[in-house]
């Protein structure tokens, strides 16, 4: 599993309806936005490890302005959005292949497990909607962006 994690001052995700209007699906204030991708051989062990890594990632500022605290430490929130394109491969041209991305029926329960793992750690978690066309608004703070892989 992979997660592109960004420290944010705010983030939201809206689902685009067939008529072109946006419906707010989830939003957070200060915390982390985690775009989560799943590949074929990922399982519950990877989902649990990813939730632990996201929750414990020390990229939040302490009182001295040093990235030394986790989102749990500062009482922040997490916006989780499924992102199969994290497993896109454009190494052989300009059109990416998605062959390494897991099928939705395999990926969705694992993304849900990450979400539940974050909630079990006491975090407020907002989410997008699986298999929907979404618009993600991210106010990246720092900017601080890291790729996690488990």
N, C-alpha and C. Protein backbone atom coordinates (compact mmCIF):
# COMPACT_ATOMS: atom_id res chain seq x y z
N UNK A 1 0.85 -1.18 0.00
CA UNK A 1 0.00 0.00 0.00
C UNK A 1 0.89 1.23 0.00
N UNK A 2 0.34 2.27 -0.57
CA UNK A 2 1.02 3.56 -0.63
C UNK A 2 0.06 4.64 -0.13
N UNK A 3 0.67 5.67 0.47
CA UNK A 3 -0.11 6.85 0.84
C UNK A 3 0.74 8.08 0.59
N UNK A 4 0.19 9.01 -0.14
CA UNK A 4 0.80 10.31 -0.29
C UNK A 4 0.16 11.17 0.80
N UNK A 5 0.97 11.57 1.78
CA UNK A 5 0.46 12.25 2.97
C UNK A 5 0.91 13.70 2.94
N UNK A 6 -0.05 14.60 3.11
CA UNK A 6 0.26 16.03 3.14
C UNK A 6 -0.25 16.63 4.44
N UNK A 7 0.60 17.46 5.06
CA UNK A 7 0.15 18.23 6.21
C UNK A 7 -0.70 19.38 5.68
N UNK A 8 -1.88 19.55 6.26
CA UNK A 8 -2.82 20.53 5.73
C UNK A 8 -3.34 21.45 6.84
N UNK A 9 -3.69 22.66 6.45
CA UNK A 9 -4.43 23.54 7.35
C UNK A 9 -5.92 23.28 7.20
N UNK A 10 -6.31 22.75 6.05
CA UNK A 10 -7.69 22.34 5.77
C UNK A 10 -7.70 21.51 4.50
N UNK A 11 -8.68 20.62 4.39
CA UNK A 11 -8.84 19.81 3.18
C UNK A 11 -10.29 19.35 3.09
N UNK A 12 -10.75 19.17 1.87
CA UNK A 12 -12.11 18.67 1.67
C UNK A 12 -12.15 17.86 0.39
N UNK A 13 -13.17 17.03 0.30
CA UNK A 13 -13.40 16.24 -0.90
C UNK A 13 -14.89 16.30 -1.23
N UNK A 14 -15.17 16.56 -2.50
CA UNK A 14 -16.55 16.60 -3.00
C UNK A 14 -16.71 15.56 -4.08
N UNK A 15 -17.90 15.01 -4.18
CA UNK A 15 -18.24 14.06 -5.23
C UNK A 15 -18.96 14.83 -6.33
N UNK A 16 -18.55 14.59 -7.56
CA UNK A 16 -19.15 15.26 -8.71
C UNK A 16 -20.36 14.46 -9.17
N UNK A 17 -21.52 15.09 -9.09
CA UNK A 17 -22.76 14.45 -9.51
C UNK A 17 -22.86 14.43 -11.03
N UNK A 18 -23.72 13.56 -11.59
CA UNK A 18 -23.88 13.50 -13.05
C UNK A 18 -24.27 14.84 -13.68
N UNK A 19 -24.96 15.70 -12.93
CA UNK A 19 -25.34 17.00 -13.49
C UNK A 19 -24.22 18.03 -13.38
N UNK A 20 -23.04 17.59 -12.86
CA UNK A 20 -21.90 18.48 -12.78
C UNK A 20 -21.77 19.25 -11.48
N UNK A 21 -22.74 19.10 -10.58
CA UNK A 21 -22.65 19.78 -9.30
C UNK A 21 -21.79 18.97 -8.33
N UNK A 22 -21.23 19.67 -7.35
CA UNK A 22 -20.40 19.01 -6.35
C UNK A 22 -21.19 18.83 -5.06
N UNK A 23 -21.03 17.65 -4.45
CA UNK A 23 -21.63 17.37 -3.15
C UNK A 23 -20.50 17.09 -2.17
N UNK A 24 -20.41 17.87 -1.10
CA UNK A 24 -19.35 17.70 -0.11
C UNK A 24 -19.47 16.32 0.53
N UNK A 25 -18.38 15.56 0.48
CA UNK A 25 -18.36 14.23 1.08
C UNK A 25 -17.64 14.24 2.42
N UNK A 26 -16.60 15.06 2.55
CA UNK A 26 -15.85 15.11 3.80
C UNK A 26 -14.94 16.32 3.84
N UNK A 27 -14.72 16.83 5.04
CA UNK A 27 -13.79 17.94 5.19
C UNK A 27 -13.17 17.92 6.58
N UNK A 28 -11.96 18.47 6.66
CA UNK A 28 -11.25 18.56 7.93
C UNK A 28 -10.60 19.94 8.04
N UNK A 29 -10.24 20.27 9.26
CA UNK A 29 -9.41 21.44 9.52
C UNK A 29 -7.96 20.98 9.55
N UNK A 30 -7.16 21.48 10.48
CA UNK A 30 -5.74 21.12 10.53
C UNK A 30 -5.54 19.62 10.74
N UNK A 31 -4.58 19.08 10.01
CA UNK A 31 -4.26 17.66 10.13
C UNK A 31 -3.53 17.16 8.91
N UNK A 32 -3.95 15.99 8.43
CA UNK A 32 -3.30 15.34 7.30
C UNK A 32 -4.32 14.95 6.24
N UNK A 33 -3.91 15.04 4.99
CA UNK A 33 -4.67 14.48 3.88
C UNK A 33 -3.86 13.29 3.38
N UNK A 34 -4.49 12.11 3.34
CA UNK A 34 -3.81 10.89 2.91
C UNK A 34 -4.51 10.34 1.67
N UNK A 35 -3.81 10.38 0.54
CA UNK A 35 -4.28 9.75 -0.68
C UNK A 35 -3.74 8.33 -0.65
N UNK A 36 -4.63 7.33 -0.65
CA UNK A 36 -4.24 5.94 -0.38
C UNK A 36 -4.45 5.07 -1.62
N UNK A 37 -3.39 4.34 -1.99
CA UNK A 37 -3.45 3.41 -3.11
C UNK A 37 -3.16 1.99 -2.66
N UNK A 38 -3.77 1.04 -3.36
CA UNK A 38 -3.65 -0.38 -3.01
C UNK A 38 -3.18 -1.14 -4.24
N UNK A 39 -2.26 -2.10 -4.03
CA UNK A 39 -1.83 -2.98 -5.11
C UNK A 39 -2.32 -4.40 -4.83
N UNK A 40 -2.08 -5.31 -5.77
CA UNK A 40 -2.68 -6.64 -5.76
C UNK A 40 -2.35 -7.49 -4.54
N UNK A 41 -1.12 -7.44 -4.06
CA UNK A 41 -0.73 -8.33 -2.97
C UNK A 41 -0.87 -7.70 -1.59
N UNK A 42 -1.53 -6.55 -1.49
CA UNK A 42 -1.78 -5.93 -0.19
C UNK A 42 -2.88 -6.68 0.54
N UNK A 43 -2.77 -6.67 1.87
CA UNK A 43 -3.77 -7.31 2.71
C UNK A 43 -3.97 -6.53 3.99
N UNK A 44 -4.63 -7.17 4.94
CA UNK A 44 -4.95 -6.49 6.19
C UNK A 44 -3.70 -6.07 6.96
N UNK A 45 -2.63 -6.83 6.87
CA UNK A 45 -1.39 -6.45 7.56
C UNK A 45 -0.86 -5.11 7.03
N UNK A 46 -0.87 -4.93 5.73
CA UNK A 46 -0.40 -3.66 5.15
C UNK A 46 -1.34 -2.52 5.53
N UNK A 47 -2.64 -2.75 5.55
CA UNK A 47 -3.59 -1.71 5.92
C UNK A 47 -3.38 -1.27 7.36
N UNK A 48 -3.17 -2.23 8.25
CA UNK A 48 -2.94 -1.90 9.66
C UNK A 48 -1.63 -1.13 9.84
N UNK A 49 -0.59 -1.55 9.13
CA UNK A 49 0.70 -0.84 9.22
C UNK A 49 0.59 0.57 8.66
N UNK A 50 -0.16 0.73 7.58
CA UNK A 50 -0.30 2.06 6.99
C UNK A 50 -1.05 3.00 7.94
N UNK A 51 -2.11 2.52 8.56
CA UNK A 51 -2.84 3.34 9.54
C UNK A 51 -1.90 3.76 10.67
N UNK A 52 -1.09 2.84 11.14
CA UNK A 52 -0.14 3.15 12.21
C UNK A 52 0.89 4.18 11.77
N UNK A 53 1.40 4.02 10.55
CA UNK A 53 2.40 4.97 10.03
C UNK A 53 1.81 6.37 9.85
N UNK A 54 0.60 6.46 9.32
CA UNK A 54 -0.04 7.76 9.13
C UNK A 54 -0.27 8.43 10.48
N UNK A 55 -0.84 7.69 11.42
CA UNK A 55 -1.16 8.25 12.74
C UNK A 55 0.10 8.69 13.49
N UNK A 56 1.19 7.96 13.32
CA UNK A 56 2.41 8.25 14.07
C UNK A 56 3.42 9.14 13.36
N UNK A 57 3.13 9.51 12.13
CA UNK A 57 4.06 10.32 11.34
C UNK A 57 4.28 11.68 11.99
N UNK A 58 5.52 11.98 12.33
CA UNK A 58 5.84 13.20 13.07
C UNK A 58 6.19 14.33 12.10
N UNK A 59 5.12 14.92 11.52
CA UNK A 59 5.32 16.07 10.62
C UNK A 59 4.51 17.29 11.05
N UNK A 60 3.95 17.23 12.26
CA UNK A 60 3.22 18.37 12.79
C UNK A 60 4.17 19.17 13.68
N UNK A 61 4.02 20.49 13.67
CA UNK A 61 4.92 21.36 14.43
C UNK A 61 4.70 21.23 15.94
N UNK A 62 5.82 21.31 16.67
CA UNK A 62 5.73 21.45 18.12
C UNK A 62 5.75 22.93 18.47
N UNK A 63 5.84 23.26 19.74
CA UNK A 63 5.79 24.67 20.15
C UNK A 63 6.97 25.48 19.64
N UNK A 64 8.06 24.82 19.24
CA UNK A 64 9.22 25.52 18.70
C UNK A 64 9.17 25.61 17.17
N UNK A 65 8.09 25.11 16.56
CA UNK A 65 7.98 25.16 15.11
C UNK A 65 8.74 24.06 14.40
N UNK A 66 9.11 23.02 15.12
CA UNK A 66 9.85 21.89 14.56
C UNK A 66 8.87 20.74 14.31
N UNK A 67 8.99 20.08 13.16
CA UNK A 67 8.12 18.95 12.85
C UNK A 67 8.51 17.78 13.76
N UNK A 68 7.84 17.69 14.90
CA UNK A 68 8.21 16.73 15.92
C UNK A 68 7.00 16.06 16.56
N UNK A 69 5.80 16.34 16.06
CA UNK A 69 4.59 15.77 16.62
C UNK A 69 3.78 15.05 15.55
N UNK A 70 2.99 14.11 16.01
CA UNK A 70 2.09 13.40 15.10
C UNK A 70 0.73 14.07 15.10
N UNK A 71 -0.10 13.67 14.17
CA UNK A 71 -1.47 14.20 14.11
C UNK A 71 -2.24 13.80 15.36
N UNK A 72 -1.92 12.65 15.95
CA UNK A 72 -2.55 12.24 17.21
C UNK A 72 -2.14 13.20 18.32
N UNK A 73 -0.84 13.52 18.38
CA UNK A 73 -0.31 14.41 19.42
C UNK A 73 -0.97 15.77 19.43
N UNK A 74 -1.28 16.31 18.25
CA UNK A 74 -1.83 17.67 18.16
C UNK A 74 -3.36 17.70 18.07
N UNK A 75 -4.00 16.52 18.11
CA UNK A 75 -5.45 16.48 18.03
C UNK A 75 -6.00 16.86 16.67
N UNK A 76 -5.23 16.58 15.62
CA UNK A 76 -5.65 16.89 14.26
C UNK A 76 -6.59 15.85 13.69
N UNK A 77 -6.97 16.04 12.46
CA UNK A 77 -7.88 15.13 11.76
C UNK A 77 -7.18 14.60 10.51
N UNK A 78 -7.79 13.59 9.88
CA UNK A 78 -7.24 13.02 8.66
C UNK A 78 -8.35 12.91 7.62
N UNK A 79 -8.04 13.37 6.40
CA UNK A 79 -8.92 13.15 5.26
C UNK A 79 -8.30 12.03 4.43
N UNK A 80 -9.01 10.93 4.26
CA UNK A 80 -8.53 9.78 3.49
C UNK A 80 -9.30 9.71 2.19
N UNK A 81 -8.56 9.67 1.08
CA UNK A 81 -9.16 9.57 -0.24
C UNK A 81 -8.49 8.43 -0.99
N UNK A 82 -9.26 7.48 -1.48
CA UNK A 82 -8.70 6.38 -2.27
C UNK A 82 -8.12 6.95 -3.56
N UNK A 83 -6.98 6.40 -3.99
CA UNK A 83 -6.25 6.99 -5.12
C UNK A 83 -5.51 5.90 -5.88
N UNK A 84 -6.22 5.20 -6.78
CA UNK A 84 -5.59 4.11 -7.52
C UNK A 84 -4.45 4.60 -8.39
N UNK A 85 -4.45 5.87 -8.76
CA UNK A 85 -3.40 6.38 -9.65
C UNK A 85 -2.02 6.42 -8.99
N UNK A 86 -1.95 6.21 -7.66
CA UNK A 86 -0.64 6.12 -7.02
C UNK A 86 0.15 4.91 -7.54
N UNK A 87 -0.56 3.96 -8.12
CA UNK A 87 0.11 2.80 -8.72
C UNK A 87 0.16 2.89 -10.25
N UNK A 88 0.01 4.08 -10.79
CA UNK A 88 0.17 4.29 -12.22
C UNK A 88 1.63 4.22 -12.61
N UNK A 89 1.88 3.74 -13.82
CA UNK A 89 3.25 3.61 -14.32
C UNK A 89 3.32 4.25 -15.71
N UNK A 90 4.08 5.33 -15.81
CA UNK A 90 4.25 6.03 -17.08
C UNK A 90 5.69 5.93 -17.56
N UNK A 91 6.39 4.87 -17.18
CA UNK A 91 7.81 4.74 -17.52
C UNK A 91 8.04 4.37 -18.99
N UNK A 92 7.01 3.91 -19.69
CA UNK A 92 7.18 3.50 -21.08
C UNK A 92 6.35 4.35 -22.02
N UNK A 93 6.37 5.63 -21.80
CA UNK A 93 5.63 6.51 -22.68
C UNK A 93 4.85 7.54 -21.91
N UNK A 94 3.88 8.10 -22.59
CA UNK A 94 3.12 9.19 -21.98
C UNK A 94 1.76 8.75 -21.45
N UNK A 95 1.33 7.55 -21.80
CA UNK A 95 0.04 7.06 -21.31
C UNK A 95 0.29 6.05 -20.19
N UNK A 96 -0.14 6.36 -18.97
CA UNK A 96 0.13 5.45 -17.85
C UNK A 96 -0.65 4.15 -17.98
N UNK A 97 -0.08 3.12 -17.38
CA UNK A 97 -0.80 1.86 -17.21
C UNK A 97 -1.18 1.76 -15.74
N UNK A 98 -2.30 1.15 -15.47
CA UNK A 98 -2.80 1.01 -14.11
C UNK A 98 -2.71 -0.44 -13.66
N UNK A 99 -1.88 -1.24 -14.32
CA UNK A 99 -1.81 -2.68 -14.05
C UNK A 99 -1.45 -3.00 -12.61
N UNK A 100 -0.68 -2.17 -11.94
CA UNK A 100 -0.27 -2.47 -10.57
C UNK A 100 -1.34 -2.09 -9.54
N UNK A 101 -2.35 -1.34 -9.95
CA UNK A 101 -3.42 -0.94 -9.02
C UNK A 101 -4.37 -2.12 -8.81
N UNK A 102 -4.77 -2.32 -7.56
CA UNK A 102 -5.70 -3.40 -7.23
C UNK A 102 -7.08 -3.09 -7.77
N UNK A 103 -7.82 -4.14 -8.07
CA UNK A 103 -9.22 -3.99 -8.50
C UNK A 103 -10.03 -3.41 -7.34
N UNK A 104 -11.08 -2.67 -7.64
CA UNK A 104 -11.86 -2.02 -6.59
C UNK A 104 -12.37 -2.97 -5.50
N UNK A 105 -12.79 -4.16 -5.89
CA UNK A 105 -13.32 -5.10 -4.89
C UNK A 105 -12.25 -5.58 -3.91
N UNK A 106 -10.98 -5.51 -4.30
CA UNK A 106 -9.87 -5.83 -3.39
C UNK A 106 -9.45 -4.59 -2.60
N UNK A 107 -9.42 -3.44 -3.26
CA UNK A 107 -8.90 -2.22 -2.65
C UNK A 107 -9.84 -1.60 -1.63
N UNK A 108 -11.13 -1.58 -1.93
CA UNK A 108 -12.06 -0.85 -1.06
C UNK A 108 -12.04 -1.33 0.39
N UNK A 109 -12.10 -2.64 0.66
CA UNK A 109 -12.07 -3.06 2.07
C UNK A 109 -10.76 -2.70 2.77
N UNK A 110 -9.66 -2.64 2.03
CA UNK A 110 -8.38 -2.29 2.65
C UNK A 110 -8.30 -0.80 2.97
N UNK A 111 -8.83 0.03 2.09
CA UNK A 111 -8.89 1.47 2.39
C UNK A 111 -9.80 1.68 3.60
N UNK A 112 -10.91 0.98 3.67
CA UNK A 112 -11.81 1.06 4.83
C UNK A 112 -11.09 0.62 6.10
N UNK A 113 -10.24 -0.38 5.99
CA UNK A 113 -9.49 -0.85 7.17
C UNK A 113 -8.52 0.22 7.65
N UNK A 114 -7.88 0.93 6.73
CA UNK A 114 -7.00 2.04 7.10
C UNK A 114 -7.82 3.09 7.84
N UNK A 115 -8.98 3.44 7.32
CA UNK A 115 -9.85 4.45 7.93
C UNK A 115 -10.22 4.02 9.35
N UNK A 116 -10.64 2.77 9.51
CA UNK A 116 -11.02 2.29 10.84
C UNK A 116 -9.82 2.27 11.78
N UNK A 117 -8.64 1.92 11.26
CA UNK A 117 -7.43 1.93 12.09
C UNK A 117 -7.10 3.32 12.60
N UNK A 118 -7.31 4.33 11.77
CA UNK A 118 -7.09 5.71 12.19
C UNK A 118 -8.11 6.12 13.25
N UNK A 119 -9.35 5.73 13.06
CA UNK A 119 -10.39 6.05 14.04
C UNK A 119 -10.13 5.36 15.37
N UNK A 120 -9.64 4.13 15.32
CA UNK A 120 -9.31 3.41 16.55
C UNK A 120 -8.20 4.10 17.35
N UNK A 121 -7.41 4.89 16.67
CA UNK A 121 -6.34 5.65 17.34
C UNK A 121 -6.84 7.01 17.83
N UNK A 122 -8.15 7.20 17.78
CA UNK A 122 -8.77 8.40 18.32
C UNK A 122 -8.84 9.58 17.37
N UNK A 123 -8.57 9.35 16.11
CA UNK A 123 -8.56 10.45 15.14
C UNK A 123 -9.93 10.66 14.51
N UNK A 124 -10.24 11.93 14.27
CA UNK A 124 -11.40 12.27 13.45
C UNK A 124 -10.98 12.00 12.01
N UNK A 125 -11.78 11.23 11.28
CA UNK A 125 -11.45 10.88 9.89
C UNK A 125 -12.62 11.21 8.99
N UNK A 126 -12.33 11.97 7.94
CA UNK A 126 -13.30 12.23 6.88
C UNK A 126 -12.83 11.48 5.64
N UNK A 127 -13.74 11.17 4.74
CA UNK A 127 -13.38 10.36 3.58
C UNK A 127 -14.06 10.86 2.31
N UNK A 128 -13.50 10.39 1.21
CA UNK A 128 -14.17 10.54 -0.07
C UNK A 128 -15.11 9.36 -0.25
N UNK A 129 -15.52 9.12 -1.48
CA UNK A 129 -16.38 7.97 -1.79
C UNK A 129 -15.72 7.14 -2.86
N UNK A 130 -15.62 5.86 -2.57
CA UNK A 130 -14.96 4.93 -3.47
C UNK A 130 -15.71 4.86 -4.80
N UNK A 131 -14.96 4.77 -5.90
CA UNK A 131 -15.48 4.64 -7.26
C UNK A 131 -16.28 5.85 -7.74
N UNK A 132 -16.03 7.00 -7.16
CA UNK A 132 -16.74 8.22 -7.56
C UNK A 132 -15.74 9.21 -8.14
N UNK A 133 -16.23 10.08 -8.99
CA UNK A 133 -15.43 11.19 -9.50
C UNK A 133 -15.40 12.25 -8.41
N UNK A 134 -14.20 12.59 -7.93
CA UNK A 134 -14.09 13.48 -6.79
C UNK A 134 -13.22 14.69 -7.11
N UNK A 135 -13.46 15.75 -6.36
CA UNK A 135 -12.62 16.94 -6.39
C UNK A 135 -12.06 17.10 -4.99
N UNK A 136 -10.73 17.14 -4.88
CA UNK A 136 -10.07 17.26 -3.58
C UNK A 136 -9.44 18.64 -3.49
N UNK A 137 -9.79 19.37 -2.45
CA UNK A 137 -9.19 20.68 -2.17
C UNK A 137 -8.26 20.51 -0.98
N UNK A 138 -6.99 20.82 -1.21
CA UNK A 138 -5.97 20.64 -0.18
C UNK A 138 -5.25 21.96 0.03
N UNK A 139 -5.20 22.40 1.27
CA UNK A 139 -4.38 23.56 1.64
C UNK A 139 -3.15 23.01 2.33
N UNK A 140 -2.16 22.63 1.52
CA UNK A 140 -0.92 22.01 2.00
C UNK A 140 -0.15 23.03 2.82
N UNK A 141 0.19 22.66 4.03
CA UNK A 141 0.88 23.54 4.95
C UNK A 141 2.35 23.15 4.99
N UNK A 142 3.20 24.10 4.80
CA UNK A 142 4.64 23.87 4.88
C UNK A 142 5.38 24.31 3.63
N UNK A 143 5.22 23.71 2.51
CA UNK A 143 4.48 22.47 2.25
C UNK A 143 5.22 21.26 2.80
N UNK A 144 4.46 20.32 3.28
CA UNK A 144 5.02 19.07 3.80
C UNK A 144 4.26 17.92 3.14
N UNK A 145 4.96 17.14 2.32
CA UNK A 145 4.36 16.03 1.58
C UNK A 145 5.32 14.86 1.63
N UNK A 146 4.82 13.69 2.04
CA UNK A 146 5.64 12.48 2.11
C UNK A 146 4.93 11.30 1.48
N UNK A 147 5.71 10.40 0.87
CA UNK A 147 5.16 9.16 0.34
C UNK A 147 5.49 8.06 1.33
N UNK A 148 4.46 7.35 1.80
CA UNK A 148 4.64 6.21 2.67
C UNK A 148 4.35 4.95 1.88
N UNK A 149 5.13 3.92 2.11
CA UNK A 149 4.88 2.63 1.46
C UNK A 149 5.11 1.52 2.47
N UNK A 150 4.13 0.63 2.57
CA UNK A 150 4.26 -0.49 3.50
C UNK A 150 4.07 -1.81 2.77
